[in-house]
Structures are given as structure tokens and as C-alpha cells.
PDB file of N, CA and C in Angstrom:
ATOM      1  N   UNK A   1      30.629 -11.359  78.373  1.00  0.00           N
ATOM      2  CA  UNK A   1      31.148 -12.802  77.278  1.00  0.00           C
ATOM      3  C   UNK A   1      32.538 -12.706  76.994  1.00  0.00           C
ATOM      4  N   UNK A   2      33.246 -13.766  77.249  1.00  0.00           N
ATOM      5  CA  UNK A   2      34.548 -13.670  76.502  1.00  0.00           C
ATOM      6  C   UNK A   2      34.806 -14.390  75.026  1.00  0.00           C
ATOM      7  N   UNK A   3      35.538 -14.258  74.501  1.00  0.00           N
ATOM      8  CA  UNK A   3      35.845 -14.744  73.022  1.00  0.00           C
ATOM      9  C   UNK A   3      35.339 -16.103  72.650  1.00  0.00           C
ATOM     10  N   UNK A   4      35.879 -17.218  73.710  1.00  0.00           N
ATOM     11  CA  UNK A   4      35.636 -18.484  73.157  1.00  0.00           C
ATOM     12  C   UNK A   4      33.995 -19.120  73.446  1.00  0.00           C
ATOM     13  N   UNK A   5      33.042 -18.098  74.499  1.00  0.00           N
ATOM     14  CA  UNK A   5      32.106 -18.215  74.492  1.00  0.00           C
ATOM     15  C   UNK A   5      31.105 -17.411  73.039  1.00  0.00           C
ATOM     16  N   UNK A   6      31.330 -16.314  72.667  1.00  0.00           N
ATOM     17  CA  UNK A   6      31.018 -15.891  71.639  1.00  0.00           C
ATOM     18  C   UNK A   6      31.491 -17.017  70.288  1.00  0.00           C
ATOM     19  N   UNK A   7      32.521 -17.561  70.043  1.00  0.00           N
ATOM     20  CA  UNK A   7      32.744 -18.271  69.383  1.00  0.00           C
ATOM     21  C   UNK A   7      31.933 -19.590  69.233  1.00  0.00           C
ATOM     22  N   UNK A   8      31.561 -20.018  70.213  1.00  0.00           N
ATOM     23  CA  UNK A   8      30.906 -21.237  70.654  1.00  0.00           C
ATOM     24  C   UNK A   8      29.390 -20.769  70.286  1.00  0.00           C
ATOM     25  N   UNK A   9      28.965 -19.524  70.571  1.00  0.00           N
ATOM     26  CA  UNK A   9      27.647 -19.275  69.904  1.00  0.00           C
ATOM     27  C   UNK A   9      27.091 -19.132  68.837  1.00  0.00           C
ATOM     28  N   UNK A  10      28.313 -18.622  68.166  1.00  0.00           N
ATOM     29  CA  UNK A  10      28.218 -18.630  66.448  1.00  0.00           C
ATOM     30  C   UNK A  10      28.197 -19.917  66.037  1.00  0.00           C
ATOM     31  N   UNK A  11      28.817 -20.763  66.414  1.00  0.00           N
ATOM     32  CA  UNK A  11      29.162 -22.230  65.820  1.00  0.00           C
ATOM     33  C   UNK A  11      27.644 -22.870  66.139  1.00  0.00           C
ATOM     34  N   UNK A  12      27.131 -22.866  67.243  1.00  0.00           N
ATOM     35  CA  UNK A  12      25.830 -23.026  67.603  1.00  0.00           C
ATOM     36  C   UNK A  12      24.667 -22.582  66.983  1.00  0.00           C
ATOM     37  N   UNK A  13      24.729 -21.098  66.687  1.00  0.00           N
ATOM     38  CA  UNK A  13      23.968 -20.512  65.560  1.00  0.00           C
ATOM     39  C   UNK A  13      23.853 -21.044  64.182  1.00  0.00           C
ATOM     40  N   UNK A  14      25.273 -21.001  63.991  1.00  0.00           N
ATOM     41  CA  UNK A  14      25.260 -21.861  62.551  1.00  0.00           C
ATOM     42  C   UNK A  14      24.509 -23.340  62.176  1.00  0.00           C
ATOM     43  N   UNK A  15      24.895 -23.881  63.279  1.00  0.00           N
ATOM     44  CA  UNK A  15      24.221 -25.459  63.220  1.00  0.00           C
ATOM     45  C   UNK A  15      22.754 -25.748  63.690  1.00  0.00           C
ATOM     46  N   UNK A  16      22.522 -24.611  63.849  1.00  0.00           N
ATOM     47  CA  UNK A  16      21.050 -24.262  64.045  1.00  0.00           C
ATOM     48  C   UNK A  16      20.330 -23.856  62.607  1.00  0.00           C
ATOM     49  N   UNK A  17      20.954 -22.838  61.895  1.00  0.00           N
ATOM     50  CA  UNK A  17      20.543 -22.293  60.786  1.00  0.00           C
ATOM     51  C   UNK A  17      20.449 -23.342  59.880  1.00  0.00           C
ATOM     52  N   UNK A  18      21.687 -24.413  60.032  1.00  0.00           N
ATOM     53  CA  UNK A  18      21.728 -25.457  58.880  1.00  0.00           C
ATOM     54  C   UNK A  18      20.393 -26.373  59.194  1.00  0.00           C
ATOM     55  N   UNK A  19      20.244 -26.571  60.317  1.00  0.00           N
ATOM     56  CA  UNK A  19      19.126 -28.146  61.014  1.00  0.00           C
ATOM     57  C   UNK A  19      18.008 -27.201  61.134  1.00  0.00           C
ATOM     58  N   UNK A  20      17.558 -26.249  60.807  1.00  0.00           N
ATOM     59  CA  UNK A  20      16.164 -25.381  60.595  1.00  0.00           C
ATOM     60  C   UNK A  20      15.947 -25.799  59.113  1.00  0.00           C
ATOM     61  N   UNK A  21      14.713 -26.042  59.100  1.00  0.00           N
ATOM     62  CA  UNK A  21      14.070 -26.195  57.969  1.00  0.00           C
ATOM     63  C   UNK A  21      13.157 -25.086  57.667  1.00  0.00           C
ATOM     64  N   UNK A  22      13.120 -23.861  58.032  1.00  0.00           N
ATOM     65  CA  UNK A  22      12.324 -22.949  58.096  1.00  0.00           C
ATOM     66  C   UNK A  22      12.865 -22.368  56.566  1.00  0.00           C
ATOM     67  N   UNK A  23      11.813 -21.745  55.552  1.00  0.00           N
ATOM     68  CA  UNK A  23      12.532 -21.192  54.603  1.00  0.00           C
ATOM     69  C   UNK A  23      12.307 -19.734  55.017  1.00  0.00           C
ATOM     70  N   UNK A  24      12.156 -19.300  56.127  1.00  0.00           N
ATOM     71  CA  UNK A  24      12.248 -18.016  56.597  1.00  0.00           C
ATOM     72  C   UNK A  24      13.999 -17.426  56.761  1.00  0.00           C
ATOM     73  N   UNK A  25      14.693 -18.621  56.819  1.00  0.00           N
ATOM     74  CA  UNK A  25      15.957 -18.470  56.934  1.00  0.00           C
ATOM     75  C   UNK A  25      16.805 -18.866  56.004  1.00  0.00           C
ATOM     76  N   UNK A  26      16.358 -19.199  54.599  1.00  0.00           N
ATOM     77  CA  UNK A  26      16.628 -19.825  53.515  1.00  0.00           C
ATOM     78  C   UNK A  26      17.773 -18.387  53.295  1.00  0.00           C
ATOM     79  N   UNK A  27      17.825 -17.446  53.008  1.00  0.00           N
ATOM     80  CA  UNK A  27      18.436 -16.640  52.286  1.00  0.00           C
ATOM     81  C   UNK A  27      19.694 -16.468  53.402  1.00  0.00           C
ATOM     82  N   UNK A  28      19.595 -16.694  54.625  1.00  0.00           N
ATOM     83  CA  UNK A  28      20.879 -16.660  55.338  1.00  0.00           C
ATOM     84  C   UNK A  28      21.877 -17.495  55.094  1.00  0.00           C
ATOM     85  N   UNK A  29      21.540 -18.608  54.485  1.00  0.00           N
ATOM     86  CA  UNK A  29      22.361 -19.815  54.245  1.00  0.00           C
ATOM     87  C   UNK A  29      22.304 -19.740  52.473  1.00  0.00           C
ATOM     88  N   UNK A  30      21.544 -19.863  52.060  1.00  0.00           N
ATOM     89  CA  UNK A  30      21.430 -20.441  50.467  1.00  0.00           C
ATOM     90  C   UNK A  30      22.375 -19.017  49.586  1.00  0.00           C
ATOM     91  N   UNK A  31      21.971 -18.066  49.905  1.00  0.00           N
ATOM     92  CA  UNK A  31      22.991 -16.940  48.988  1.00  0.00           C
ATOM     93  C   UNK A  31      24.581 -17.163  49.458  1.00  0.00           C
ATOM     94  N   UNK A  32      24.811 -17.171  50.784  1.00  0.00           N
ATOM     95  CA  UNK A  32      26.384 -16.996  51.285  1.00  0.00           C
ATOM     96  C   UNK A  32      26.812 -19.025  50.640  1.00  0.00           C
ATOM     97  N   UNK A  33      25.976 -19.600  50.704  1.00  0.00           N
ATOM     98  CA  UNK A  33      26.587 -20.986  50.021  1.00  0.00           C
ATOM     99  C   UNK A  33      26.924 -20.745  48.431  1.00  0.00           C
ATOM    100  N   UNK A  34      26.020 -20.272  47.758  1.00  0.00           N
ATOM    101  CA  UNK A  34      26.276 -20.128  46.418  1.00  0.00           C
ATOM    102  C   UNK A  34      27.333 -19.118  46.204  1.00  0.00           C
ATOM    103  N   UNK A  35      27.520 -18.241  46.685  1.00  0.00           N
ATOM    104  CA  UNK A  35      28.868 -17.145  46.639  1.00  0.00           C
ATOM    105  C   UNK A  35      29.908 -17.965  47.120  1.00  0.00           C
ATOM    106  N   UNK A  36      29.952 -18.778  47.701  1.00  0.00           N
ATOM    107  CA  UNK A  36      31.010 -19.562  48.304  1.00  0.00           C
ATOM    108  C   UNK A  36      31.628 -20.360  47.234  1.00  0.00           C
ATOM    109  N   UNK A  37      30.694 -21.307  46.405  1.00  0.00           N
ATOM    110  CA  UNK A  37      30.710 -22.144  45.397  1.00  0.00           C
ATOM    111  C   UNK A  37      30.886 -21.660  43.979  1.00  0.00           C
ATOM    112  N   UNK A  38      30.734 -20.179  43.610  1.00  0.00           N
ATOM    113  CA  UNK A  38      31.169 -19.561  42.444  1.00  0.00           C
ATOM    114  C   UNK A  38      32.696 -18.982  43.103  1.00  0.00           C
ATOM    115  N   UNK A  39      33.012 -18.330  44.288  1.00  0.00           N
ATOM    116  CA  UNK A  39      33.992 -18.116  44.187  1.00  0.00           C
ATOM    117  C   UNK A  39      35.528 -19.230  44.494  1.00  0.00           C
ATOM    118  N   UNK A  40      35.022 -20.454  44.816  1.00  0.00           N
ATOM    119  CA  UNK A  40      35.915 -21.156  44.776  1.00  0.00           C
ATOM    120  C   UNK A  40      35.936 -21.854  43.021  1.00  0.00           C
ATOM    121  N   UNK A  41      34.892 -21.800  42.622  1.00  0.00           N
ATOM    122  CA  UNK A  41      35.158 -22.463  41.337  1.00  0.00           C
ATOM    123  C   UNK A  41      35.777 -21.239  40.113  1.00  0.00           C
ATOM    124  N   UNK A  42      35.608 -20.366  40.775  1.00  0.00           N
ATOM    125  CA  UNK A  42      36.130 -19.243  39.791  1.00  0.00           C
ATOM    126  C   UNK A  42      37.952 -19.267  39.867  1.00  0.00           C
ATOM    127  N   UNK A  43      38.230 -19.615  41.343  1.00  0.00           N
ATOM    128  CA  UNK A  43      39.680 -19.957  41.399  1.00  0.00           C
ATOM    129  C   UNK A  43      40.195 -21.129  41.124  1.00  0.00           C
ATOM    130  N   UNK A  44      39.550 -22.423  41.247  1.00  0.00           N
ATOM    131  CA  UNK A  44      39.998 -23.532  40.480  1.00  0.00           C
ATOM    132  C   UNK A  44      40.108 -23.376  39.090  1.00  0.00           C
ATOM    133  N   UNK A  45      38.698 -22.716  38.502  1.00  0.00           N
ATOM    134  CA  UNK A  45      38.934 -22.592  37.050  1.00  0.00           C
ATOM    135  C   UNK A  45      40.190 -22.022  36.382  1.00  0.00           C
ATOM    136  N   UNK A  46      40.481 -20.908  37.152  1.00  0.00           N
ATOM    137  CA  UNK A  46      41.164 -19.758  36.630  1.00  0.00           C
ATOM    138  C   UNK A  46      42.659 -20.767  37.009  1.00  0.00           C
ATOM    139  N   UNK A  47      42.932 -21.513  38.046  1.00  0.00           N
ATOM    140  CA  UNK A  47      44.211 -21.938  38.543  1.00  0.00           C
ATOM    141  C   UNK A  47      44.430 -23.384  37.224  1.00  0.00           C
ATOM    142  N   UNK A  48      43.231 -23.838  37.018  1.00  0.00           N
ATOM    143  CA  UNK A  48      43.401 -25.056  35.734  1.00  0.00           C
ATOM    144  C   UNK A  48      43.241 -24.540  34.600  1.00  0.00           C
ATOM    145  N   UNK A  49      43.252 -23.541  34.328  1.00  0.00           N
ATOM    146  CA  UNK A  49      43.339 -22.943  32.976  1.00  0.00           C
ATOM    147  C   UNK A  49      44.787 -22.231  32.650  1.00  0.00           C
ATOM    148  N   UNK A  50      44.989 -21.596  34.153  1.00  0.00           N
ATOM    149  CA  UNK A  50      46.775 -21.076  33.962  1.00  0.00           C
ATOM    150  C   UNK A  50      47.652 -22.297  33.736  1.00  0.00           C
ATOM    151  N   UNK A  51      47.364 -23.621  34.739  1.00  0.00           N
ATOM    152  CA  UNK A  51      48.094 -24.850  34.538  1.00  0.00           C
ATOM    153  C   UNK A  51      48.151 -25.115  33.019  1.00  0.00           C
ATOM    154  N   UNK A  52      47.014 -25.427  32.363  1.00  0.00           N
ATOM    155  CA  UNK A  52      47.111 -25.862  31.061  1.00  0.00           C
ATOM    156  C   UNK A  52      47.910 -25.158  30.129  1.00  0.00           C
ATOM    157  N   UNK A  53      47.612 -23.801  30.397  1.00  0.00           N
ATOM    158  CA  UNK A  53      48.448 -22.758  29.327  1.00  0.00           C
ATOM    159  C   UNK A  53      50.035 -22.598  29.446  1.00  0.00           C
ATOM    160  N   UNK A  54      50.468 -22.992  30.830  1.00  0.00           N
ATOM    161  CA  UNK A  54      52.032 -22.774  31.039  1.00  0.00           C
ATOM    162  C   UNK A  54      52.456 -24.132  30.540  1.00  0.00           C
ATOM    163  N   UNK A  55      51.596 -25.243  30.403  1.00  0.00           N
ATOM    164  CA  UNK A  55      52.215 -26.510  29.983  1.00  0.00           C
ATOM    165  C   UNK A  55      52.900 -26.575  28.486  1.00  0.00           C
ATOM    166  N   UNK A  56      52.643 -25.555  27.748  1.00  0.00           N
ATOM    167  CA  UNK A  56      53.005 -25.525  26.364  1.00  0.00           C
ATOM    168  C   UNK A  56      54.369 -24.710  26.840  1.00  0.00           C
ATOM    169  N   UNK A  57      54.628 -24.317  27.626  1.00  0.00           N
ATOM    170  CA  UNK A  57      55.916 -23.316  27.749  1.00  0.00           C
ATOM    171  C   UNK A  57      57.271 -24.382  27.619  1.00  0.00           C
ATOM    172  N   UNK A  58      58.391 -23.766  27.482  1.00  0.00           N
ATOM    173  CA  UNK A  58      59.444 -24.226  27.461  1.00  0.00           C
ATOM    174  C   UNK A  58      59.918 -24.623  29.092  1.00  0.00           C
ATOM    175  N   UNK A  59      59.487 -23.668  30.152  1.00  0.00           N
ATOM    176  CA  UNK A  59      59.550 -24.350  31.548  1.00  0.00           C
ATOM    177  C   UNK A  59      58.926 -24.541  32.262  1.00  0.00           C
ATOM    178  N   UNK A  60      57.351 -25.159  32.229  1.00  0.00           N
ATOM    179  CA  UNK A  60      56.336 -25.108  33.087  1.00  0.00           C
ATOM    180  C   UNK A  60      56.668 -25.541  34.593  1.00  0.00           C
ATOM    181  N   UNK A  61      57.237 -26.116  35.048  1.00  0.00           N
ATOM    182  CA  UNK A  61      57.528 -26.056  36.556  1.00  0.00           C
ATOM    183  C   UNK A  61      57.794 -25.014  37.163  1.00  0.00           C
ATOM    184  N   UNK A  62      58.837 -24.195  35.892  1.00  0.00           N
ATOM    185  CA  UNK A  62      59.221 -22.897  36.924  1.00  0.00           C
ATOM    186  C   UNK A  62      58.056 -21.763  37.024  1.00  0.00           C
ATOM    187  N   UNK A  63      57.056 -22.109  35.938  1.00  0.00           N
ATOM    188  CA  UNK A  63      55.838 -21.083  35.776  1.00  0.00           C
ATOM    189  C   UNK A  63      54.824 -21.564  36.993  1.00  0.00           C
ATOM    190  N   UNK A  64      54.943 -22.663  37.394  1.00  0.00           N
ATOM    191  CA  UNK A  64      54.268 -22.970  38.691  1.00  0.00           C
ATOM    192  C   UNK A  64      54.888 -22.765  39.961  1.00  0.00           C
ATOM    193  N   UNK A  65      56.237 -22.299  39.836  1.00  0.00           N
ATOM    194  CA  UNK A  65      56.716 -21.655  41.186  1.00  0.00           C
ATOM    195  C   UNK A  65      56.784 -20.172  40.946  1.00  0.00           C
ATOM    196  N   UNK A  66      57.277 -19.564  40.068  1.00  0.00           N
ATOM    197  CA  UNK A  66      57.018 -17.935  39.870  1.00  0.00           C
ATOM    198  C   UNK A  66      56.115 -17.909  38.923  1.00  0.00           C
ATOM    199  N   UNK A  67      54.913 -17.208  39.559  1.00  0.00           N
ATOM    200  CA  UNK A  67      53.797 -17.164  38.545  1.00  0.00           C
ATOM    201  C   UNK A  67      54.028 -15.860  37.501  1.00  0.00           C
ATOM    202  N   UNK A  68      53.867 -15.948  36.270  1.00  0.00           N
ATOM    203  CA  UNK A  68      53.247 -15.335  35.554  1.00  0.00           C
ATOM    204  C   UNK A  68      52.386 -14.429  35.360  1.00  0.00           C
ATOM    205  N   UNK A  69      52.247 -13.415  36.022  1.00  0.00           N
ATOM    206  CA  UNK A  69      51.552 -12.377  36.767  1.00  0.00           C
ATOM    207  C   UNK A  69      50.469 -11.937  35.498  1.00  0.00           C
ATOM    208  N   UNK A  70      51.458 -11.580  34.642  1.00  0.00           N
ATOM    209  CA  UNK A  70      50.164 -11.048  33.444  1.00  0.00           C
ATOM    210  C   UNK A  70      49.394 -11.998  32.871  1.00  0.00           C
ATOM    211  N   UNK A  71      49.733 -13.358  32.405  1.00  0.00           N
ATOM    212  CA  UNK A  71      49.286 -14.411  32.003  1.00  0.00           C
ATOM    213  C   UNK A  71      48.057 -14.516  32.859  1.00  0.00           C
ATOM    214  N   UNK A  72      48.342 -14.795  34.249  1.00  0.00           N
ATOM    215  CA  UNK A  72      47.644 -15.245  35.361  1.00  0.00           C
ATOM    216  C   UNK A  72      46.494 -14.294  35.270  1.00  0.00           C
ATOM    217  N   UNK A  73      46.799 -12.930  35.467  1.00  0.00           N
ATOM    218  CA  UNK A  73      45.888 -11.882  35.643  1.00  0.00           C
ATOM    219  C   UNK A  73      44.703 -12.196  34.117  1.00  0.00           C
ATOM    220  N   UNK A  74      45.222 -12.162  33.224  1.00  0.00           N
ATOM    221  CA  UNK A  74      44.241 -12.205  31.742  1.00  0.00           C
ATOM    222  C   UNK A  74      43.285 -13.594  32.275  1.00  0.00           C
ATOM    223  N   UNK A  75      43.776 -14.510  32.810  1.00  0.00           N
ATOM    224  CA  UNK A  75      42.498 -16.028  33.188  1.00  0.00           C
ATOM    225  C   UNK A  75      41.786 -15.248  34.568  1.00  0.00           C
ATOM    226  N   UNK A  76      42.272 -14.666  35.337  1.00  0.00           N
ATOM    227  CA  UNK A  76      41.655 -13.905  36.254  1.00  0.00           C
ATOM    228  C   UNK A  76      40.272 -12.969  35.959  1.00  0.00           C
ATOM    229  N   UNK A  77      40.500 -12.159  35.168  1.00  0.00           N
ATOM    230  CA  UNK A  77      40.025 -11.481  34.340  1.00  0.00           C
ATOM    231  C   UNK A  77      38.483 -12.226  33.506  1.00  0.00           C
ATOM    232  N   UNK A  78      39.009 -13.120  32.817  1.00  0.00           N
ATOM    233  CA  UNK A  78      38.207 -13.752  31.965  1.00  0.00           C
ATOM    234  C   UNK A  78      37.421 -15.143  33.023  1.00  0.00           C
ATOM    235  N   UNK A  79      37.896 -15.125  33.942  1.00  0.00           N
ATOM    236  CA  UNK A  79      37.542 -16.412  34.441  1.00  0.00           C
ATOM    237  C   UNK A  79      36.406 -16.219  35.626  1.00  0.00           C
ATOM    238  N   UNK A  80      35.442 -15.089  35.570  1.00  0.00           N
ATOM    239  CA  UNK A  80      34.087 -14.989  36.036  1.00  0.00           C
ATOM    240  C   UNK A  80      33.282 -15.474  35.290  1.00  0.00           C
ATOM    241  N   UNK A  81      33.303 -15.849  33.904  1.00  0.00           N
ATOM    242  CA  UNK A  81      32.304 -16.498  33.443  1.00  0.00           C
ATOM    243  C   UNK A  81      32.875 -18.000  33.269  1.00  0.00           C
ATOM    244  N   UNK A  82      33.061 -18.457  34.550  1.00  0.00           N
ATOM    245  CA  UNK A  82      33.746 -20.395  34.237  1.00  0.00           C
ATOM    246  C   UNK A  82      32.720 -21.000  34.186  1.00  0.00           C
ATOM    247  N   UNK A  83      31.389 -20.765  34.790  1.00  0.00           N
ATOM    248  CA  UNK A  83      30.288 -21.752  34.551  1.00  0.00           C
ATOM    249  C   UNK A  83      29.959 -22.384  33.213  1.00  0.00           C
ATOM    250  N   UNK A  84      30.156 -21.030  32.320  1.00  0.00           N
ATOM    251  CA  UNK A  84      29.711 -21.359  30.902  1.00  0.00           C
ATOM    252  C   UNK A  84      30.961 -21.875  30.263  1.00  0.00           C
ATOM    253  N   UNK A  85      32.000 -21.572  30.800  1.00  0.00           N
ATOM    254  CA  UNK A  85      33.350 -22.204  29.736  1.00  0.00           C
ATOM    255  C   UNK A  85      33.137 -23.601  30.401  1.00  0.00           C
ATOM    256  N   UNK A  86      33.109 -24.132  31.478  1.00  0.00           N
ATOM    257  CA  UNK A  86      32.695 -25.287  31.950  1.00  0.00           C
ATOM    258  C   UNK A  86      32.037 -26.043  31.603  1.00  0.00           C
ATOM    259  N   UNK A  87      30.844 -25.437  31.191  1.00  0.00           N
ATOM    260  CA  UNK A  87      29.315 -25.955  30.701  1.00  0.00           C
ATOM    261  C   UNK A  87      29.888 -26.285  29.014  1.00  0.00           C
ATOM    262  N   UNK A  88      30.702 -25.438  28.492  1.00  0.00           N
ATOM    263  CA  UNK A  88      31.049 -25.520  26.985  1.00  0.00           C
ATOM    264  C   UNK A  88      32.048 -26.835  26.776  1.00  0.00           C
ATOM    265  N   UNK A  89      33.215 -26.756  27.737  1.00  0.00           N
ATOM    266  CA  UNK A  89      34.100 -27.940  27.816  1.00  0.00           C
ATOM    267  C   UNK A  89      33.377 -29.294  27.947  1.00  0.00           C
ATOM    268  N   UNK A  90      32.506 -29.127  28.833  1.00  0.00           N
ATOM    269  CA  UNK A  90      31.780 -30.270  28.971  1.00  0.00           C
ATOM    270  C   UNK A  90      30.974 -31.143  27.899  1.00  0.00           C
ATOM    271  N   UNK A  91      30.327 -30.231  27.446  1.00  0.00           N
ATOM    272  CA  UNK A  91      29.226 -30.860  26.170  1.00  0.00           C
ATOM    273  C   UNK A  91      30.392 -30.887  25.037  1.00  0.00           C
ATOM    274  N   UNK A  92      31.239 -30.292  24.821  1.00  0.00           N
ATOM    275  CA  UNK A  92      32.376 -30.559  23.893  1.00  0.00           C
ATOM    276  C   UNK A  92      33.433 -31.713  24.150  1.00  0.00           C
ATOM    277  N   UNK A  93      33.274 -32.575  25.021  1.00  0.00           N
ATOM    278  CA  UNK A  93      34.211 -33.626  26.078  1.00  0.00           C
ATOM    279  C   UNK A  93      35.530 -33.312  25.899  1.00  0.00           C
ATOM    280  N   UNK A  94      35.770 -32.014  26.333  1.00  0.00           N
ATOM    281  CA  UNK A  94      37.576 -31.595  26.908  1.00  0.00           C
ATOM    282  C   UNK A  94      37.346 -31.422  28.421  1.00  0.00           C
ATOM    283  N   UNK A  95      36.406 -31.265  28.901  1.00  0.00           N
ATOM    284  CA  UNK A  95      36.538 -31.275  30.503  1.00  0.00           C
ATOM    285  C   UNK A  95      36.661 -32.519  31.064  1.00  0.00           C
ATOM    286  N   UNK A  96      36.321 -33.721  30.642  1.00  0.00           N
ATOM    287  CA  UNK A  96      36.865 -35.013  31.158  1.00  0.00           C
ATOM    288  C   UNK A  96      37.677 -35.568  30.409  1.00  0.00           C
ATOM    289  N   UNK A  97      38.671 -36.158  31.329  1.00  0.00           N
ATOM    290  CA  UNK A  97      39.464 -37.250  30.472  1.00  0.00           C
ATOM    291  C   UNK A  97      38.934 -38.686  30.076  1.00  0.00           C
ATOM    292  N   UNK A  98      39.517 -39.070  29.031  1.00  0.00           N
ATOM    293  CA  UNK A  98      39.209 -40.390  28.608  1.00  0.00           C
ATOM    294  C   UNK A  98      39.383 -41.228  29.434  1.00  0.00           C
ATOM    295  N   UNK A  99      38.477 -42.363  29.042  1.00  0.00           N
ATOM    296  CA  UNK A  99      38.768 -43.740  29.892  1.00  0.00           C
ATOM    297  C   UNK A  99      40.078 -44.457  30.075  1.00  0.00           C
ATOM    298  N   UNK A 100      40.509 -44.187  28.958  1.00  0.00           N
ATOM    299  CA  UNK A 100      41.745 -44.830  28.316  1.00  0.00           C
ATOM    300  C   UNK A 100      43.284 -44.108  29.024  1.00  0.00           C
ATOM    301  N   UNK A 101      42.679 -43.225  29.551  1.00  0.00           N
ATOM    302  CA  UNK A 101      44.258 -42.268  29.745  1.00  0.00           C
ATOM    303  C   UNK A 101      43.935 -42.126  31.427  1.00  0.00           C
ATOM    304  N   UNK A 102      42.944 -42.614  32.147  1.00  0.00           N
ATOM    305  CA  UNK A 102      42.697 -42.996  33.531  1.00  0.00           C
ATOM    306  C   UNK A 102      43.527 -44.089  34.007  1.00  0.00           C
ATOM    307  N   UNK A 103      44.459 -44.368  34.540  1.00  0.00           N
ATOM    308  CA  UNK A 103      45.306 -45.095  35.473  1.00  0.00           C
ATOM    309  C   UNK A 103      44.779 -46.196  36.351  1.00  0.00           C
ATOM    310  N   UNK A 104      44.498 -47.148  36.113  1.00  0.00           N
ATOM    311  CA  UNK A 104      43.864 -48.139  37.658  1.00  0.00           C
ATOM    312  C   UNK A 104      44.955 -49.064  37.931  1.00  0.00           C
ATOM    313  N   UNK A 105      44.940 -49.084  39.505  1.00  0.00           N
ATOM    314  CA  UNK A 105      45.877 -49.787  40.039  1.00  0.00           C
ATOM    315  C   UNK A 105      45.877 -51.201  39.851  1.00  0.00           C
ATOM    316  N   UNK A 106      46.474 -52.328  39.762  1.00  0.00           N
ATOM    317  CA  UNK A 106      45.977 -53.334  39.762  1.00  0.00           C
ATOM    318  C   UNK A 106      45.663 -54.174  41.032  1.00  0.00           C
ATOM    319  N   UNK A 107      44.599 -54.973  40.665  1.00  0.00           N
ATOM    320  CA  UNK A 107      43.748 -55.900  41.723  1.00  0.00           C
ATOM    321  C   UNK A 107      44.525 -57.178  42.336  1.00  0.00           C
TER     322      UNK A 107
END
């Protein structure tokens, strides 16, 4: 079996797995999906926290290009608790922007 045929077979199997409604296959899809969402949320939360932190610096655009590794590492280490931090910011109204801060294009 050549490389393309293996790839097509893997894509076909993935589509069957998603479309299959049997609960016996749930572990093959649900756990990787939850891990994907958790890891991407971690990356996003750490990046957001880093950008908020460097905003107070005297050269924030420079720190966006040349990353302050010790500062970024601090956020990476503490970022694994991002779901709780996001929930805390959501309940304290710090996560979402106020409606008067959102620009709306004229109609």
C-alpha cells in the first residue's frame, strides 16, 4: 500500500469514526478532542496573558517580536490552570470587553 492510499484510508477511518454513533468508539474521539481543546486553550491563554503583561512595558511591540522568555515561561508554567482563570475572569467581568469599547462600522 503506497503512502497516498494509507493517508486516504486514515482520512476515511476518521470520517467513519466521527459519523459513527456507537458509544463504543467514543473514547477514540472524545478524549483526543478534549485534549486538543485543553492544549489550544492553554496556548491561547498564555499568549493572551503575555500580551496583557507586556502592554505596560515601555516597548511592547519590541517584546512581541523578541519574546521575553523568563516572563513567557512564568505564564507557561501557570497556564495549565487556564480554565479556572478564565472562569474567574468571566465571573468578575474582566474577560469580555464592554459594549462601548467595541467599534461598530456605520451602516
